[in-house]
Amino acid sequence: MAVKKVGEKYKCSVCGNEVTVTKVGGGTLVCCKKEMLLIEEGRDG
């Protein structure tokens, strides 16, 4: 899933790492060799 906007939060389904986008540069976030999942707003993960 491509990063689209500042403030989006992503979580690794393997290890649980979470990141928050501070600068949009395009591309896809990857952790543990898998795409990170976008955490929907209003959820705590």
Protein backbone atom coordinates (compact mmCIF):
# COMPACT_ATOMS: atom_id res chain seq x y z
CA MET A 1 0.00 0.00 0.00
CA ALA A 2 1.50 3.30 -1.06
CA VAL A 3 1.98 6.05 1.50
CA LYS A 4 -0.48 8.86 0.70
CA LYS A 5 -0.50 11.46 3.49
CA VAL A 6 1.30 12.74 6.57
CA GLY A 7 -0.06 11.26 9.78
CA GLU A 8 -0.96 7.84 8.41
CA LYS A 9 -0.04 5.00 10.75
CA TYR A 10 1.20 1.61 9.63
CA LYS A 11 1.76 -1.63 11.56
CA CYS A 12 3.80 -4.75 10.79
CA SER A 13 1.65 -7.88 10.94
CA VAL A 14 4.71 -9.98 11.86
CA CYS A 15 6.57 -8.13 14.64
CA GLY A 16 4.10 -5.40 15.58
CA ASN A 17 6.33 -2.40 14.75
CA GLU A 18 4.31 0.76 14.14
CA VAL A 19 5.27 3.88 12.19
CA THR A 20 3.67 7.27 11.60
CA VAL A 21 4.31 9.07 8.31
CA THR A 22 6.07 12.43 8.78
CA LYS A 23 6.97 13.03 5.12
CA VAL A 24 5.32 11.57 2.03
CA GLY A 25 7.79 10.31 -0.51
CA GLY A 26 5.72 7.65 -2.21
CA GLY A 27 6.57 4.00 -2.21
CA THR A 28 5.50 1.21 0.11
CA LEU A 29 6.51 0.62 3.71
CA VAL A 30 7.99 -2.85 4.31
CA CYS A 31 8.94 -4.62 7.54
CA CYS A 32 9.88 -8.29 8.08
CA LYS A 33 9.79 -8.68 4.26
CA LYS A 34 6.04 -7.89 4.16
CA GLU A 35 4.07 -4.75 3.34
CA MET A 36 3.01 -2.87 6.45
CA LEU A 37 -0.73 -2.51 7.05
CA LEU A 38 -2.46 0.86 7.24
CA ILE A 39 -4.08 1.33 10.65
CA GLU A 40 -7.49 2.92 10.12
CA GLU A 41 -8.19 6.20 11.89
CA GLY A 42 -10.20 5.69 15.05
CA ARG A 43 -8.56 2.35 15.82
CA ASP A 44 -5.76 1.76 18.28
CA GLY A 45 -4.15 -0.96 16.22
